[in-house]
Amino acid sequence: MAIVMQMPKLSDTMKHGVVAKWLKKEGDKVVSGSPIVEIETDKATMEFESPSTGILLKIIVNDTESCELQAPIAVIGKQNESWEDALKNFNVPKKTETAPLKIKESSPVVSSIKTEVSSSSESQKIKLSPLARKLAKEKGMDIEKIQGSGPQGRIVLKDILEQESTPSEMILSAVSLSPNKIPLTSMRQAIARRLTESVVTAPHFYLKVRINMENILNWRSKNKNVASLNDIILFMTSRALTKHKDVNSSWQGDHIMQYSDVNLCIAVALPAGLVTPVLKQAHLKSLSQIAKESKELILKAQTNKLTSQDHQGGTFTLSNLGMMGIDDFTAIINPPQAAILAIGQLQPLPFFDGDDVSWKKGITLTLSCDHRVIDGAIGAQFLQTLKTYFEDPLSALFL
């Protein structure tokens, strides 16, 4: 019997889904458990597997189209099975189109409707882009004599410029005024919604500390650079969070959730936005394990291979812009988590020993805290522990 494939919920915050790309076409054979479609969620674009073995009889939601969660997106069944019958038996109502209003010619409403349509069509007779309208008015042009080259005969900037010789400065000025309208992806909408919620609802405060990295760099050099600095930061942070569970917490409205497991969210920048895959139980992993798993997560993020499980369960987030030449910055908390750590670049920094100042290679860490969960002293104690681990690596390695 043919089955209806539904739009899956691939993240906790997903409200609807977008079919980014079908990996199979109608008539192709599909195998249960094998990738069949790429789904764009509010967090990432993920491959989704076929729920059944058979023939892809019908694609209902095409590439780049969106639909509600659990809505039908395709039908899979045996050769020559009726996909229409499968949809009829589907227990979720299908998206329906509104039928056109039918009015008898003798009805007095008809003349009213015709009048409105006529009036509307008259006002829409000449279509111009905003920039074309502005330039035509400035140049005193008769737009009725201009043939539009845009969709449905719309007059665009190019049509105005072609009417007469225009100084190159005016052309460049006019062209520069035209904005580029970029549609919002599901991911970008989710980022905007969640971070706005975070800034508005969570009272942020920021703590900054300067870390001397000389000992870490010497240890790393002696051990043949077994891990990247980012991996070492993940390792040290996971160890520090086990001693400061108040920081490894989240705001839940009517209570605070304090976690024993340290599940680190790693901020990864993609062209479509920011994703935060989760390194699970980082506090139980060795440095080499963290290096291996973080590299795998980042690669999955960059190749759109993250699964819904890769996004779930995070308790604390790290955002590292040091490799992009940023000295230091403040990050917005990833709700409902209580804190996020922002990491700046490795650079020469001044360190004080009494009245003496020496320049050492170091980094600046900035902790953003939700004051509903974390008080200033608690955040400061966490950063002091982290500073100790970095400047005396053995104190963290032998916990």
Protein backbone atom coordinates (compact mmCIF):
# COMPACT_ATOMS: atom_id res chain seq x y z
CA MET A 1 0.00 0.00 0.00
CA ALA A 2 1.30 3.45 -0.93
CA ILE A 3 2.31 5.65 2.01
CA VAL A 4 2.34 9.41 2.32
CA MET A 5 5.67 10.95 3.34
CA GLN A 6 5.19 13.90 5.72
CA MET A 7 7.20 17.03 6.48
CA PRO A 8 9.27 15.95 9.52
CA LYS A 9 9.98 17.98 12.65
CA LEU A 10 13.78 18.04 12.75
CA SER A 11 14.29 20.51 15.60
CA ASP A 12 12.51 21.55 18.79
CA THR A 13 11.89 25.07 17.49
CA MET A 14 10.89 24.15 13.94
CA LYS A 15 7.49 25.61 12.97
CA HIS A 16 7.44 24.67 9.28
CA GLY A 17 9.81 23.09 6.79
CA VAL A 18 11.24 23.90 3.38
CA VAL A 19 12.16 21.28 0.79
CA ALA A 20 15.66 22.43 -0.15
CA LYS A 21 16.25 19.72 -2.76
CA TRP A 22 14.86 16.33 -3.73
CA LEU A 23 17.63 13.77 -4.12
CA LYS A 24 15.31 11.50 -6.14
CA LYS A 25 12.83 12.27 -8.89
CA GLU A 26 9.36 10.91 -9.57
CA GLY A 27 9.56 7.34 -10.83
CA ASP A 28 12.88 6.60 -9.10
CA LYS A 29 13.29 3.63 -6.80
CA VAL A 30 13.88 4.56 -3.16
CA VAL A 31 15.12 2.43 -0.28
CA SER A 32 14.04 2.72 3.33
CA GLY A 33 16.73 4.45 5.39
CA SER A 34 18.47 6.02 2.38
CA PRO A 35 18.53 9.81 1.86
CA ILE A 36 15.69 11.00 -0.34
CA VAL A 37 15.36 14.74 0.31
CA GLU A 38 17.16 17.70 1.89
CA ILE A 39 14.98 19.62 4.36
CA GLU A 40 15.75 23.19 5.42
CA THR A 41 14.85 23.81 9.06
CA ASP A 42 15.24 26.84 11.29
CA LYS A 43 18.73 25.59 12.25
CA ALA A 44 20.26 23.82 9.26
CA THR A 45 19.66 21.95 6.02
CA MET A 46 19.52 18.22 6.72
CA GLU A 47 19.16 15.06 4.69
CA PHE A 48 16.01 13.06 5.45
CA GLU A 49 15.68 9.36 4.78
CA SER A 50 12.96 7.54 2.89
CA PRO A 51 10.41 6.00 5.27
CA SER A 52 9.76 3.09 2.91
CA THR A 53 11.15 1.05 0.03
CA GLY A 54 9.38 1.44 -3.30
CA ILE A 55 8.84 3.96 -6.09
CA LEU A 56 8.66 7.71 -5.58
CA LEU A 57 5.19 8.00 -7.11
CA LYS A 58 4.53 11.69 -6.55
CA ILE A 59 6.39 14.76 -5.26
CA ILE A 60 3.83 17.08 -3.67
CA VAL A 61 6.10 19.82 -2.30
CA ASN A 62 8.75 20.81 -4.84
CA ASP A 63 12.26 22.21 -4.37
CA THR A 64 12.34 25.53 -2.42
CA GLU A 65 8.65 25.20 -1.45
CA SER A 66 7.52 25.19 2.19
CA CYS A 67 4.67 23.57 4.11
CA GLU A 68 3.44 22.94 7.64
CA LEU A 69 4.89 20.17 9.80
CA GLN A 70 3.33 16.73 9.17
CA ALA A 71 1.84 17.94 5.87
CA PRO A 72 2.27 15.52 2.92
CA ILE A 73 5.35 16.13 0.79
CA ALA A 74 5.47 12.94 -1.32
CA VAL A 75 3.90 9.54 -1.93
CA ILE A 76 5.89 6.29 -2.04
CA GLY A 77 4.47 2.97 -3.18
CA LYS A 78 4.56 0.20 -5.75
CA GLN A 79 4.72 0.74 -9.50
CA ASN A 80 1.31 1.78 -10.92
CA GLU A 81 -0.21 2.34 -7.46
CA SER A 82 -2.49 5.38 -7.21
CA TRP A 83 -0.89 8.25 -5.31
CA GLU A 84 -4.25 10.05 -5.46
CA ASP A 85 -5.91 7.27 -3.43
CA ALA A 86 -3.11 7.45 -0.86
CA LEU A 87 -3.74 11.16 -0.41
CA LYS A 88 -7.47 10.64 -0.08
CA ASN A 89 -6.87 8.23 2.79
CA PHE A 90 -4.30 10.49 4.43
CA ASN A 91 -5.50 11.56 7.87
CA VAL A 92 -4.09 15.11 7.67
CA PRO A 93 -6.22 17.56 5.65
CA LYS A 94 -4.58 18.57 2.42
CA LYS A 95 -3.89 22.17 1.51
CA THR A 96 -6.90 23.37 -0.42
CA GLU A 97 -7.27 26.15 -2.90
CA THR A 98 -10.09 28.63 -2.65
CA ALA A 99 -12.54 28.13 -5.49
CA PRO A 100 -13.31 31.23 -7.56
CA LEU A 101 -16.56 33.01 -6.67
CA LYS A 102 -19.33 32.18 -9.12
CA ILE A 103 -22.01 34.86 -9.63
CA LYS A 104 -24.90 34.75 -12.05
CA GLU A 105 -24.81 37.36 -14.79
CA SER A 106 -28.19 38.70 -13.63
CA SER A 107 -26.94 39.34 -10.10
CA PRO A 108 -26.69 43.06 -9.17
CA VAL A 109 -23.35 42.30 -7.52
CA VAL A 110 -21.77 41.58 -10.91
CA SER A 111 -21.75 45.14 -12.10
CA SER A 112 -20.20 46.28 -8.85
CA ILE A 113 -17.44 43.71 -9.08
CA LYS A 114 -16.77 44.51 -12.72
CA THR A 115 -16.51 48.20 -11.89
CA GLU A 116 -13.97 47.53 -9.15
CA VAL A 117 -11.91 45.28 -11.38
CA SER A 118 -11.99 47.78 -14.21
CA SER A 119 -10.96 50.61 -11.90
CA SER A 120 -8.21 48.49 -10.38
CA SER A 121 -6.87 47.33 -13.72
CA GLU A 122 -6.82 50.92 -14.97
CA SER A 123 -4.72 52.06 -12.02
CA GLN A 124 -2.39 49.12 -12.54
CA LYS A 125 -2.09 49.73 -16.29
CA ILE A 126 1.38 51.23 -16.12
CA LYS A 127 3.70 49.40 -13.74
CA LEU A 128 6.99 50.93 -12.62
CA SER A 129 9.66 49.97 -10.18
CA PRO A 130 10.08 52.60 -7.40
CA LEU A 131 13.49 53.66 -8.73
CA ALA A 132 12.20 53.91 -12.32
CA ARG A 133 9.28 56.07 -11.15
CA LYS A 134 11.63 58.38 -9.22
CA LEU A 135 14.05 58.84 -12.13
CA ALA A 136 11.25 59.30 -14.69
CA LYS A 137 9.73 62.05 -12.54
CA GLU A 138 13.11 63.77 -12.16
CA LYS A 139 13.67 63.68 -15.93
CA GLY A 140 10.10 64.72 -16.77
CA MET A 141 9.49 61.66 -18.93
CA ASP A 142 6.10 60.55 -20.25
CA ILE A 143 5.93 57.02 -18.91
CA GLU A 144 3.07 56.10 -21.26
CA LYS A 145 5.54 56.24 -24.15
CA ILE A 146 8.03 53.88 -22.51
CA GLN A 147 7.96 50.16 -23.24
CA GLY A 148 8.71 48.19 -20.07
CA SER A 149 11.12 45.26 -20.23
CA GLY A 150 10.32 43.86 -16.78
CA PRO A 151 7.84 41.11 -15.82
CA GLN A 152 4.37 41.77 -17.29
CA GLY A 153 5.65 44.89 -19.03
CA ARG A 154 6.87 46.56 -15.85
CA ILE A 155 9.06 49.61 -16.44
CA VAL A 156 12.39 49.23 -14.70
CA LEU A 157 15.46 51.46 -14.28
CA LYS A 158 17.11 50.19 -17.47
CA ASP A 159 14.12 51.31 -19.56
CA ILE A 160 14.36 54.86 -18.19
CA LEU A 161 18.12 55.09 -18.76
CA GLU A 162 17.76 53.92 -22.37
CA GLN A 163 15.38 56.78 -23.27
CA GLU A 164 18.12 59.38 -23.58
CA SER A 165 21.83 59.79 -23.06
CA THR A 166 22.42 60.05 -19.33
CA PRO A 167 25.70 61.16 -17.70
CA SER A 168 27.57 58.15 -16.34
CA GLU A 169 27.64 59.73 -12.87
CA MET A 170 23.81 59.83 -12.80
CA ILE A 171 23.60 56.21 -13.97
CA LEU A 172 26.01 55.04 -11.30
CA SER A 173 24.20 57.08 -8.67
CA ALA A 174 20.82 55.74 -9.72
CA VAL A 175 22.03 52.16 -9.87
CA SER A 176 23.60 52.41 -6.43
CA LEU A 177 20.21 53.31 -4.97
CA SER A 178 18.69 49.98 -5.95
CA PRO A 179 18.70 47.59 -2.95
CA ASN A 180 19.08 43.84 -3.17
CA LYS A 181 16.05 42.15 -1.61
CA ILE A 182 17.14 38.87 0.02
CA PRO A 183 14.36 36.45 1.04
CA LEU A 184 14.54 35.17 4.62
CA THR A 185 15.38 31.50 5.04
CA SER A 186 13.83 29.46 7.83
CA MET A 187 17.21 29.50 9.58
CA ARG A 188 17.57 33.27 9.39
CA GLN A 189 14.01 33.78 10.68
CA ALA A 190 14.72 31.46 13.62
CA ILE A 191 18.00 33.24 14.43
CA ALA A 192 16.23 36.60 14.41
CA ARG A 193 13.37 35.31 16.58
CA ARG A 194 15.49 33.49 19.16
CA LEU A 195 18.20 36.13 19.59
CA THR A 196 15.64 38.93 19.82
CA GLU A 197 13.88 36.88 22.48
CA SER A 198 17.21 36.41 24.27
CA VAL A 199 18.13 40.10 24.29
CA VAL A 200 14.63 41.23 25.30
CA THR A 201 13.92 38.66 28.02
CA ALA A 202 17.34 37.74 29.46
CA PRO A 203 19.09 40.53 31.42
CA HIS A 204 22.62 40.19 30.03
CA PHE A 205 25.79 41.24 31.83
CA TYR A 206 29.36 40.65 30.69
CA LEU A 207 32.58 39.57 32.39
CA LYS A 208 35.93 39.76 30.65
CA VAL A 209 39.24 38.10 31.52
CA ARG A 210 42.68 38.09 29.89
CA ILE A 211 44.40 34.68 29.68
CA ASN A 212 48.17 34.13 29.46
CA MET A 213 48.52 31.36 26.85
CA GLU A 214 52.30 30.88 27.02
CA ASN A 215 52.16 27.66 29.07
CA ILE A 216 49.43 26.18 26.88
CA LEU A 217 51.41 26.98 23.74
CA ASN A 218 54.57 25.43 25.19
CA TRP A 219 52.67 22.30 26.24
CA ARG A 220 51.02 22.07 22.82
CA SER A 221 54.39 22.45 21.06
CA LYS A 222 55.99 19.70 23.17
CA ASN A 223 53.08 17.39 22.36
CA LYS A 224 53.39 17.97 18.60
CA ASN A 225 50.27 20.14 18.35
CA VAL A 226 47.95 17.22 19.15
CA ALA A 227 44.92 19.52 19.13
CA SER A 228 43.91 22.96 17.92
CA LEU A 229 43.60 25.88 20.33
CA ASN A 230 39.83 25.72 19.85
CA ASP A 231 39.83 22.07 20.95
CA ILE A 232 41.89 22.95 24.01
CA ILE A 233 39.42 25.72 24.87
CA LEU A 234 36.55 23.22 24.60
CA PHE A 235 38.44 20.80 26.84
CA MET A 236 39.29 23.39 29.51
CA THR A 237 35.78 24.86 29.48
CA SER A 238 34.12 21.46 29.94
CA ARG A 239 36.34 20.79 32.97
CA ALA A 240 35.63 24.20 34.51
CA LEU A 241 31.86 23.79 34.08
CA THR A 242 31.88 20.60 36.18
CA LYS A 243 33.04 22.75 39.11
CA HIS A 244 30.54 25.54 38.41
CA LYS A 245 27.17 23.96 37.75
CA ASP A 246 25.45 27.31 38.37
CA VAL A 247 26.94 28.39 35.03
CA ASN A 248 26.04 25.09 33.34
CA SER A 249 22.34 25.89 33.78
CA SER A 250 19.26 27.20 31.97
CA TRP A 251 16.29 29.43 32.73
CA GLN A 252 12.99 27.52 32.58
CA GLY A 253 10.49 30.22 33.53
CA ASP A 254 9.35 28.86 36.88
CA HIS A 255 12.63 27.17 37.81
CA ILE A 256 16.34 26.92 37.00
CA MET A 257 17.60 23.69 35.46
CA GLN A 258 21.12 22.80 36.63
CA TYR A 259 22.96 20.15 34.59
CA SER A 260 25.53 17.57 35.61
CA ASP A 261 26.44 16.68 32.01
CA VAL A 262 28.37 19.29 30.04
CA ASN A 263 27.00 19.41 26.49
CA LEU A 264 28.90 22.10 24.62
CA CYS A 265 27.28 23.96 21.71
CA ILE A 266 29.93 24.94 19.15
CA ALA A 267 28.98 28.03 17.12
CA VAL A 268 29.67 27.41 13.41
CA ALA A 269 29.19 30.21 10.88
CA LEU A 270 27.58 29.18 7.57
CA PRO A 271 26.55 31.32 4.57
CA ALA A 272 22.89 30.85 5.58
CA GLY A 273 23.46 31.69 9.26
CA LEU A 274 24.82 30.36 12.53
CA VAL A 275 24.37 26.79 13.72
CA THR A 276 25.34 25.34 17.11
CA PRO A 277 25.90 21.56 16.97
CA VAL A 278 26.33 19.91 20.36
CA LEU A 279 29.40 18.07 21.64
CA LYS A 280 27.73 15.67 24.08
CA GLN A 281 29.21 14.88 27.51
CA ALA A 282 32.38 16.82 26.78
CA HIS A 283 33.47 16.62 30.43
CA LEU A 284 33.92 12.84 30.09
CA LYS A 285 36.06 13.03 26.94
CA SER A 286 39.81 13.24 26.51
CA LEU A 287 41.39 16.07 24.55
CA SER A 288 41.94 13.77 21.55
CA GLN A 289 38.28 12.67 21.62
CA ILE A 290 37.11 16.28 21.76
CA ALA A 291 39.42 17.17 18.84
CA LYS A 292 38.05 14.29 16.76
CA GLU A 293 34.36 14.83 17.53
CA SER A 294 34.41 18.62 17.21
CA LYS A 295 36.07 18.31 13.80
CA GLU A 296 33.37 15.86 12.71
CA LEU A 297 30.57 18.15 13.93
CA ILE A 298 32.00 21.20 12.18
CA LEU A 299 32.42 19.23 8.93
CA LYS A 300 28.83 17.97 9.17
CA ALA A 301 27.64 21.53 9.68
CA GLN A 302 29.60 22.80 6.67
CA THR A 303 28.24 20.02 4.44
CA ASN A 304 24.62 20.20 5.66
CA LYS A 305 24.85 16.75 7.25
CA LEU A 306 23.74 17.64 10.77
CA THR A 307 20.85 15.63 12.19
CA SER A 308 18.21 16.74 14.67
CA GLN A 309 20.13 14.87 17.39
CA ASP A 310 23.21 17.00 16.70
CA HIS A 311 21.25 20.11 17.75
CA GLN A 312 19.65 18.83 20.95
CA GLY A 313 20.67 18.93 24.60
CA GLY A 314 23.13 21.83 24.68
CA THR A 315 23.88 23.31 28.12
CA PHE A 316 26.56 25.94 27.33
CA THR A 317 27.76 27.64 24.13
CA LEU A 318 31.19 28.74 22.88
CA SER A 319 31.69 31.23 20.04
CA ASN A 320 35.22 31.65 18.70
CA LEU A 321 35.96 34.53 16.31
CA GLY A 322 39.67 34.56 17.08
CA MET A 323 40.53 32.82 13.82
CA MET A 324 38.83 35.72 12.02
CA GLY A 325 41.10 38.31 13.62
CA ILE A 326 38.66 39.59 16.26
CA ASP A 327 40.37 40.79 19.46
CA ASP A 328 37.35 40.32 21.73
CA PHE A 329 33.55 40.60 21.52
CA THR A 330 30.33 40.02 23.44
CA ALA A 331 27.98 37.25 22.33
CA ILE A 332 24.21 36.91 22.76
CA ILE A 333 23.10 34.04 25.00
CA ASN A 334 21.63 31.00 23.26
CA PRO A 335 18.28 30.57 25.10
CA PRO A 336 17.35 28.93 27.40
CA GLN A 337 21.02 28.51 28.37
CA ALA A 338 22.34 30.84 31.06
CA ALA A 339 25.69 31.80 29.51
CA ILE A 340 27.88 31.91 26.40
CA LEU A 341 31.66 32.27 26.16
CA ALA A 342 33.15 34.52 23.43
CA ILE A 343 36.79 33.86 22.45
CA GLY A 344 39.08 36.42 20.84
CA GLN A 345 42.27 35.93 18.84
CA LEU A 346 45.69 34.90 20.13
CA GLN A 347 47.82 38.05 20.26
CA PRO A 348 50.47 39.85 22.37
CA LEU A 349 48.79 41.25 25.48
CA PRO A 350 50.13 43.13 28.53
CA PHE A 351 50.16 41.23 31.82
CA PHE A 352 50.88 42.87 35.18
CA ASP A 353 52.99 41.48 38.01
CA GLY A 354 52.88 44.15 40.67
CA ASP A 355 54.29 47.27 39.03
CA ASP A 356 55.96 45.28 36.24
CA VAL A 357 54.36 44.79 32.86
CA SER A 358 55.31 42.05 30.42
CA TRP A 359 53.89 41.18 27.02
CA LYS A 360 52.76 37.60 26.53
CA LYS A 361 50.76 35.73 23.95
CA GLY A 362 47.22 35.62 25.24
CA ILE A 363 43.51 35.66 24.50
CA THR A 364 40.55 37.59 25.87
CA LEU A 365 37.48 35.67 27.00
CA THR A 366 34.11 37.36 27.49
CA LEU A 367 31.35 35.59 29.43
CA SER A 368 27.78 36.74 28.71
CA CYS A 369 25.53 35.84 31.64
CA ASP A 370 21.78 35.73 32.23
CA HIS A 371 21.39 37.60 35.54
CA ARG A 372 18.24 35.63 36.34
CA VAL A 373 20.45 32.56 36.76
CA ILE A 374 24.02 33.75 37.32
CA ASP A 375 25.22 36.44 39.71
CA GLY A 376 28.38 38.42 39.07
CA ALA A 377 30.46 36.59 41.68
CA ILE A 378 29.45 33.17 40.27
CA GLY A 379 30.45 34.16 36.75
CA ALA A 380 33.73 35.62 38.02
CA GLN A 381 34.58 32.43 39.92
CA PHE A 382 33.99 30.36 36.80
CA LEU A 383 36.34 32.58 34.77
CA GLN A 384 38.99 32.42 37.49
CA THR A 385 38.87 28.61 37.39
CA LEU A 386 39.13 28.73 33.60
CA LYS A 387 42.07 31.13 33.83
CA THR A 388 43.84 28.79 36.27
CA TYR A 389 43.39 25.82 33.93
CA PHE A 390 44.81 27.72 30.95
CA GLU A 391 47.79 29.14 32.79
CA ASP A 392 48.50 25.86 34.64
CA PRO A 393 47.38 23.15 32.14
CA LEU A 394 48.23 20.23 34.43
CA SER A 395 45.61 21.40 36.92
CA ALA A 396 42.94 20.62 34.32
CA LEU A 397 44.52 17.53 32.78
CA PHE A 398 44.57 15.62 36.06
CA LEU A 399 41.07 16.33 37.38
